[in-house]
N, C-alpha and C. Protein backbone atom coordinates (compact mmCIF):
# COMPACT_ATOMS: atom_id res chain seq x y z
N MET A 1 105.13 93.19 112.78
CA MET A 1 104.04 94.60 112.87
C MET A 1 102.85 93.01 112.80
N ILE A 2 101.17 93.19 114.10
CA ILE A 2 100.58 92.52 113.32
C ILE A 2 99.27 93.23 113.12
N VAL A 3 98.75 92.28 112.21
CA VAL A 3 97.71 93.67 112.05
C VAL A 3 96.05 92.59 112.56
N HIS A 4 95.18 94.23 112.49
CA HIS A 4 94.27 92.97 113.04
C HIS A 4 92.28 93.46 112.35
N ILE A 5 92.83 92.36 111.85
CA ILE A 5 91.62 93.52 110.66
C ILE A 5 89.56 92.62 111.83
N GLN A 6 89.55 93.88 112.55
CA GLN A 6 88.13 93.09 112.92
C GLN A 6 86.24 93.27 111.64
N PHE A 7 86.41 92.55 112.03
CA PHE A 7 84.28 92.02 111.35
C PHE A 7 83.75 92.94 111.57
N PHE A 8 82.60 93.60 110.90
CA PHE A 8 81.42 93.61 112.50
C PHE A 8 80.03 93.26 111.44
N CYS A 9 79.50 92.46 112.97
CA CYS A 9 78.59 91.56 112.18
C CYS A 9 77.23 91.87 112.73
N PHE A 10 75.93 92.53 112.15
CA PHE A 10 74.92 92.93 112.65
C PHE A 10 73.74 91.75 111.81
N PHE A 11 72.67 92.41 112.94
CA PHE A 11 72.09 90.80 112.48
C PHE A 11 70.74 91.83 112.45
N PHE A 12 70.18 91.73 111.24
CA PHE A 12 69.16 92.70 111.00
C PHE A 12 67.36 91.38 110.96
N PRO A 13 65.90 91.89 110.60
CA PRO A 13 64.89 90.89 110.63
C PRO A 13 65.38 90.96 109.65
N LYS A 14 64.31 89.83 109.82
CA LYS A 14 64.52 88.14 109.25
C LYS A 14 65.24 87.73 109.25
N LYS A 15 65.79 87.53 110.63
CA LYS A 15 67.09 87.08 111.03
C LYS A 15 68.44 86.19 109.61
N LYS A 16 68.55 87.88 109.05
CA LYS A 16 69.59 87.80 108.03
C LYS A 16 70.91 88.50 108.27
N MET A 17 72.02 88.25 108.91
CA MET A 17 72.80 89.10 109.18
C MET A 17 73.77 89.21 107.63
N LYS A 18 74.01 90.40 107.97
CA LYS A 18 75.10 91.25 107.71
C LYS A 18 76.45 91.58 108.20
N CYS A 19 77.36 91.86 107.32
CA CYS A 19 78.46 91.79 108.16
C CYS A 19 79.30 93.15 106.82
N PHE A 20 79.85 93.79 108.19
CA PHE A 20 80.90 95.07 107.34
C PHE A 20 82.05 95.07 107.63
N ARG A 21 82.75 95.11 106.85
CA ARG A 21 83.66 95.05 107.15
C ARG A 21 84.31 96.28 106.55
N PRO A 22 85.57 96.81 107.69
CA PRO A 22 86.69 98.28 107.31
C PRO A 22 86.79 99.05 105.99
N PHE A 23 87.31 96.86 105.01
CA PHE A 23 88.13 97.44 103.89
C PHE A 23 86.99 96.18 102.82
N SER A 24 86.24 96.93 101.84
CA SER A 24 85.33 95.59 101.47
C SER A 24 86.53 94.62 99.86
N ARG A 25 87.76 94.95 99.63
CA ARG A 25 89.13 94.17 99.23
C ARG A 25 90.35 93.86 100.37
N SER A 26 90.88 93.20 99.99
CA SER A 26 92.30 92.71 100.38
C SER A 26 92.87 94.05 99.95
N THR A 27 92.60 94.51 98.56
CA THR A 27 93.33 95.75 97.95
C THR A 27 93.57 96.85 98.79
N SER A 28 92.25 97.00 99.52
CA SER A 28 91.87 98.77 99.69
C SER A 28 91.98 98.64 101.44
N PHE A 29 92.71 97.72 101.66
CA PHE A 29 93.27 97.57 103.14
C PHE A 29 94.69 98.03 102.52
N ALA A 30 95.58 97.43 101.91
CA ALA A 30 96.44 97.86 101.07
C ALA A 30 97.17 98.58 101.05
N GLN A 31 95.95 99.48 99.67
CA GLN A 31 96.01 100.81 99.43
C GLN A 31 96.10 101.77 100.65
N PHE A 32 95.29 101.08 102.33
CA PHE A 32 95.11 102.28 102.77
C PHE A 32 96.12 102.17 103.77
N PHE A 33 96.77 101.14 104.48
CA PHE A 33 98.09 100.58 104.42
C PHE A 33 99.42 101.34 104.30
N TRP A 34 99.49 102.02 102.01
CA TRP A 34 100.39 102.49 101.71
C TRP A 34 100.31 103.91 101.95
N SER A 35 98.76 103.95 102.08
CA SER A 35 98.70 105.52 101.77
C SER A 35 99.57 105.91 103.91
N LYS A 36 99.56 104.98 104.76
CA LYS A 36 100.00 105.37 106.38
C LYS A 36 102.32 105.42 106.34
N GLN A 37 102.36 104.74 105.01
CA GLN A 37 103.65 104.11 105.59
C GLN A 37 104.34 104.82 104.19
N VAL A 38 104.16 105.41 103.40
CA VAL A 38 104.89 106.20 102.21
C VAL A 38 104.40 107.28 101.70
N THR A 39 104.97 108.37 101.20
CA THR A 39 105.09 110.01 100.85
C THR A 39 105.53 110.67 100.02
N PHE A 40 105.60 111.71 99.56
CA PHE A 40 105.88 111.92 98.27
C PHE A 40 107.84 112.24 98.63
N GLY A 41 107.94 111.61 97.14
CA GLY A 41 109.32 111.37 97.43
C GLY A 41 109.90 109.99 97.64
N ASP A 42 109.15 109.00 97.82
CA ASP A 42 109.45 107.74 98.40
C ASP A 42 109.46 107.00 96.65
N ILE A 43 110.30 106.43 97.17
CA ILE A 43 110.92 105.46 95.68
C ILE A 43 109.66 103.84 95.68
N VAL A 44 109.20 103.40 94.80
CA VAL A 44 108.22 102.41 95.90
C VAL A 44 108.25 101.05 94.46
N ILE A 45 108.08 99.79 94.92
CA ILE A 45 107.58 98.90 93.68
C ILE A 45 106.30 97.97 93.80
N ASP A 46 105.52 98.00 92.39
CA ASP A 46 104.85 97.34 91.83
C ASP A 46 104.67 95.75 91.80
N ALA A 47 105.33 95.02 92.47
CA ALA A 47 105.84 92.95 92.14
C ALA A 47 105.60 92.57 91.21
N THR A 48 103.84 93.66 91.79
CA THR A 48 102.71 92.31 90.26
C THR A 48 101.73 93.79 89.94
N CYS A 49 101.35 94.39 88.51
CA CYS A 49 100.89 95.28 88.69
C CYS A 49 99.18 95.13 88.03
N GLY A 50 99.47 94.04 87.64
CA GLY A 50 98.00 93.51 86.93
C GLY A 50 97.24 95.06 86.39
N ASN A 51 96.34 95.36 86.12
CA ASN A 51 95.30 95.54 86.03
C ASN A 51 95.78 97.97 85.86
N GLY A 52 96.65 97.46 86.90
CA GLY A 52 97.31 99.17 87.00
C GLY A 52 96.57 100.32 88.07
N HIS A 53 95.83 98.98 89.08
CA HIS A 53 94.78 100.29 89.88
C HIS A 53 96.28 100.77 91.92
N ASP A 54 96.63 99.84 91.67
CA ASP A 54 97.73 100.15 93.07
C ASP A 54 99.00 100.32 92.48
N THR A 55 99.53 100.18 91.24
CA THR A 55 100.69 101.21 90.55
C THR A 55 100.16 103.02 90.55
N LEU A 56 98.52 102.82 89.97
CA LEU A 56 97.52 103.96 90.17
C LEU A 56 97.51 105.24 91.54
N HIS A 57 97.45 104.15 92.59
CA HIS A 57 97.74 104.77 93.64
C HIS A 57 98.73 105.10 94.13
N LEU A 58 99.75 103.59 94.09
CA LEU A 58 101.17 104.43 94.52
C LEU A 58 101.48 105.60 94.27
N CYS A 59 101.83 105.95 93.03
CA CYS A 59 101.82 107.31 92.24
C CYS A 59 101.25 108.64 92.72
N ASN A 60 99.76 108.01 92.57
CA ASN A 60 98.83 109.83 93.63
C ASN A 60 99.47 109.49 95.18
N LEU A 61 100.44 108.89 95.37
CA LEU A 61 101.14 108.53 96.44
C LEU A 61 102.44 109.83 96.57
N VAL A 62 102.79 108.53 96.38
CA VAL A 62 105.11 109.67 95.94
C VAL A 62 105.02 110.72 95.17
N ILE A 63 104.40 110.53 93.71
CA ILE A 63 104.49 111.86 92.94
C ILE A 63 103.18 112.93 92.70
N PRO A 64 104.22 113.77 93.35
CA PRO A 64 103.38 115.27 93.07
C PRO A 64 102.23 115.13 91.43
N THR A 65 101.24 115.84 90.90
CA THR A 65 100.60 116.16 90.79
C THR A 65 100.68 117.43 89.77
N GLU A 66 100.70 117.50 88.65
CA GLU A 66 102.22 118.92 88.63
C GLU A 66 100.95 120.39 89.12
N ASN A 67 100.29 120.08 89.12
CA ASN A 67 99.18 121.13 90.47
C ASN A 67 99.64 121.76 91.20
N SER A 68 100.42 120.26 92.39
CA SER A 68 101.14 120.28 93.69
C SER A 68 102.35 120.32 92.96
N LYS A 69 103.27 120.16 91.92
CA LYS A 69 104.33 120.76 91.83
C LYS A 69 104.80 122.12 92.89
N ASN A 70 104.40 123.35 93.27
CA ASN A 70 104.15 124.74 93.35
C ASN A 70 103.85 124.85 94.51
N ASN A 71 103.54 123.36 95.14
CA ASN A 71 103.24 123.05 96.66
C ASN A 71 104.70 123.07 96.91
N ASN A 72 106.11 123.05 97.00
CA ASN A 72 107.33 122.40 97.38
C ASN A 72 107.39 121.05 96.81
N HIS A 73 107.45 120.89 95.97
CA HIS A 73 107.30 120.78 95.46
C HIS A 73 108.11 119.50 94.72
N THR A 74 108.88 119.89 94.09
CA THR A 74 110.22 119.51 92.85
C THR A 74 110.66 119.02 92.73
N HIS A 75 110.89 118.47 91.25
CA HIS A 75 111.31 116.66 90.87
C HIS A 75 112.32 116.30 91.19
N ASP A 76 113.35 117.64 92.43
CA ASP A 76 114.59 116.77 92.93
C ASP A 76 114.08 116.49 93.81
N PHE A 77 112.68 116.23 94.18
CA PHE A 77 111.81 115.58 95.57
C PHE A 77 110.91 114.13 95.14
N ALA A 78 110.76 114.30 93.60
CA ALA A 78 109.57 113.78 93.35
C ALA A 78 109.74 112.17 93.26
N GLY A 79 108.84 111.67 93.54
CA GLY A 79 109.36 110.01 93.71
C GLY A 79 108.87 109.61 92.37
N ARG A 80 109.19 107.81 92.50
CA ARG A 80 109.42 107.21 91.92
C ARG A 80 108.11 105.35 91.37
N VAL A 81 107.25 105.77 90.84
CA VAL A 81 107.43 103.95 91.26
C VAL A 81 107.69 103.26 89.67
N TYR A 82 108.47 101.95 89.46
CA TYR A 82 108.49 100.64 89.57
C TYR A 82 107.39 100.27 88.82
N SER A 83 106.85 99.34 87.98
CA SER A 83 106.11 98.93 88.07
C SER A 83 106.21 97.15 87.60
N TYR A 84 105.63 96.05 87.57
CA TYR A 84 106.29 94.53 86.56
C TYR A 84 105.20 93.30 86.45
N ASP A 85 105.59 93.52 85.66
CA ASP A 85 104.17 92.18 85.62
C ASP A 85 104.87 90.73 84.32
N ILE A 86 104.66 89.93 84.34
CA ILE A 86 105.06 88.39 83.57
C ILE A 86 103.82 89.08 82.64
N ASN A 87 102.57 89.45 82.41
CA ASN A 87 101.60 89.02 81.86
C ASN A 87 102.03 90.22 80.34
N PRO A 88 101.34 90.06 79.82
CA PRO A 88 101.91 91.43 78.70
C PRO A 88 100.64 92.45 78.26
N LEU A 89 99.26 91.37 78.27
CA LEU A 89 98.25 92.17 79.49
C LEU A 89 98.23 93.07 80.02
N ALA A 90 98.28 92.42 81.88
CA ALA A 90 98.26 93.56 82.71
C ALA A 90 99.20 95.28 82.42
N ILE A 91 100.63 94.18 81.63
CA ILE A 91 101.51 95.70 81.53
C ILE A 91 100.42 96.78 80.08
N ALA A 92 99.62 96.84 79.30
CA ALA A 92 99.59 96.89 78.45
C ALA A 92 98.02 98.06 79.45
N ASN A 93 97.64 96.76 80.22
CA ASN A 93 95.72 97.46 80.61
C ASN A 93 96.05 98.96 81.78
N THR A 94 97.53 98.34 82.40
CA THR A 94 98.78 99.11 83.55
C THR A 94 99.00 100.66 82.63
N LYS A 95 99.32 100.39 81.60
CA LYS A 95 99.84 101.59 81.02
C LYS A 95 98.68 102.42 80.12
N GLU A 96 97.66 101.73 79.81
CA GLU A 96 96.24 102.33 79.75
C GLU A 96 96.22 103.53 80.34
N LEU A 97 95.87 102.45 81.35
CA LEU A 97 95.13 103.31 82.85
C LEU A 97 95.98 104.41 83.48
N LEU A 98 96.99 104.21 83.55
CA LEU A 98 98.20 105.76 83.31
C LEU A 98 98.39 106.43 82.67
N LYS A 99 97.64 106.08 81.63
CA LYS A 99 97.94 107.23 80.00
C LYS A 99 96.54 107.89 80.91
N LYS A 100 95.29 107.46 80.93
CA LYS A 100 94.10 108.53 81.32
C LYS A 100 94.28 108.91 82.44
N GLU A 101 94.47 108.48 83.49
CA GLU A 101 95.28 108.60 84.37
C GLU A 101 96.09 110.18 85.30
N VAL A 102 97.18 110.35 84.51
CA VAL A 102 98.20 111.27 85.71
C VAL A 102 98.75 111.66 84.56
N SER A 103 99.62 113.08 84.84
CA SER A 103 99.49 114.30 84.27
C SER A 103 101.26 113.65 83.96
N GLN A 104 101.38 114.10 82.83
CA GLN A 104 103.36 113.09 82.10
C GLN A 104 104.20 114.47 83.24
N PHE A 105 103.33 115.01 84.24
CA PHE A 105 104.92 114.95 85.00
C PHE A 105 104.92 112.88 86.30
N GLN A 106 104.50 113.01 86.36
CA GLN A 106 103.66 111.77 87.24
C GLN A 106 103.63 110.37 85.91
N SER A 107 103.48 110.88 84.73
CA SER A 107 103.97 109.59 83.67
C SER A 107 105.53 109.14 83.55
N ASP A 108 106.60 110.94 83.63
CA ASP A 108 107.42 110.00 83.63
C ASP A 108 109.25 110.05 84.20
N ARG A 109 108.20 109.54 85.30
CA ARG A 109 108.38 109.11 86.50
C ARG A 109 107.37 107.53 87.16
N VAL A 110 107.14 107.35 85.80
CA VAL A 110 106.38 105.90 86.24
C VAL A 110 106.91 104.74 85.33
N PHE A 111 107.82 103.82 85.76
CA PHE A 111 108.20 103.24 85.09
C PHE A 111 107.88 101.08 84.86
N VAL A 112 107.24 100.72 83.55
CA VAL A 112 106.11 99.23 83.89
C VAL A 112 106.87 99.32 82.99
N GLN A 113 107.61 97.70 83.34
CA GLN A 113 108.45 96.67 82.67
C GLN A 113 107.53 95.35 82.91
N GLU A 114 107.30 94.40 80.97
CA GLU A 114 107.13 93.16 81.80
C GLU A 114 108.36 92.62 81.81
N LEU A 115 108.37 92.41 83.88
CA LEU A 115 109.66 91.14 84.32
C LEU A 115 108.93 90.73 85.70
N SER A 116 109.31 89.40 85.71
CA SER A 116 109.04 88.61 86.67
C SER A 116 109.37 89.52 87.95
N HIS A 117 108.75 88.90 88.76
CA HIS A 117 109.36 90.46 89.81
C HIS A 117 111.13 89.57 91.06
N HIS A 118 110.68 88.23 90.24
CA HIS A 118 112.30 87.26 91.54
C HIS A 118 113.61 88.34 90.57
N LEU A 119 113.20 88.87 89.15
CA LEU A 119 114.30 88.72 88.46
C LEU A 119 113.58 90.78 88.60
N ILE A 120 113.60 90.91 89.61
CA ILE A 120 113.35 92.75 89.45
C ILE A 120 115.26 92.96 90.08
N PRO A 121 116.30 94.25 89.33
CA PRO A 121 116.96 94.51 89.48
C PRO A 121 117.91 95.35 91.05
N THR A 122 118.74 94.70 91.22
CA THR A 122 118.17 94.12 93.18
C THR A 122 118.88 96.56 92.64
N ASP A 123 119.33 96.78 92.16
CA ASP A 123 119.68 98.01 92.47
C ASP A 123 118.65 99.41 92.16
N ILE A 124 117.43 99.32 92.28
CA ILE A 124 116.60 99.47 92.33
C ILE A 124 115.66 98.81 93.72
N ILE A 125 115.36 97.51 93.86
CA ILE A 125 115.42 97.67 95.42
C ILE A 125 116.30 97.55 96.18
N GLN A 126 117.22 98.13 96.60
CA GLN A 126 117.76 98.90 97.36
C GLN A 126 117.59 100.26 97.19
N GLN A 127 117.20 100.95 96.45
CA GLN A 127 116.83 102.30 96.04
C GLN A 127 114.98 102.20 97.53
N VAL A 128 114.16 101.47 97.45
CA VAL A 128 112.83 100.91 97.47
C VAL A 128 112.88 101.56 98.97
N SER A 129 111.99 102.90 99.48
CA SER A 129 111.71 103.56 100.72
C SER A 129 110.94 102.84 101.23
N PHE A 130 110.24 101.77 100.55
CA PHE A 130 109.22 100.69 101.27
C PHE A 130 109.11 99.05 100.83
């Protein structure tokens, strides 16, 4: 798949040029892409969780909140997120963010572990939806 991002540039008075990009950060593009590819019930991996923002985004894509459990999403179809990083601070930050932002139901289906992405167990990789 080839992805093309076009940058829109406009000239403003005083010969200043300002560029408008469709995505303010590269992670914004990644999150947009994931939102088109993954859905409730999928199993996904965040191989470098950093501060947890991508893990949180993936969690909200694949695991229903408690409020949405009644909307045809059951425990059987709830997804899982596996999140890894080798940095202990990244793991702590991710866990803290998730504690603040996700429901207990979601939290039970997110697995955060201090581990290098090249050591992710094969059985987990084989379950991944995308």
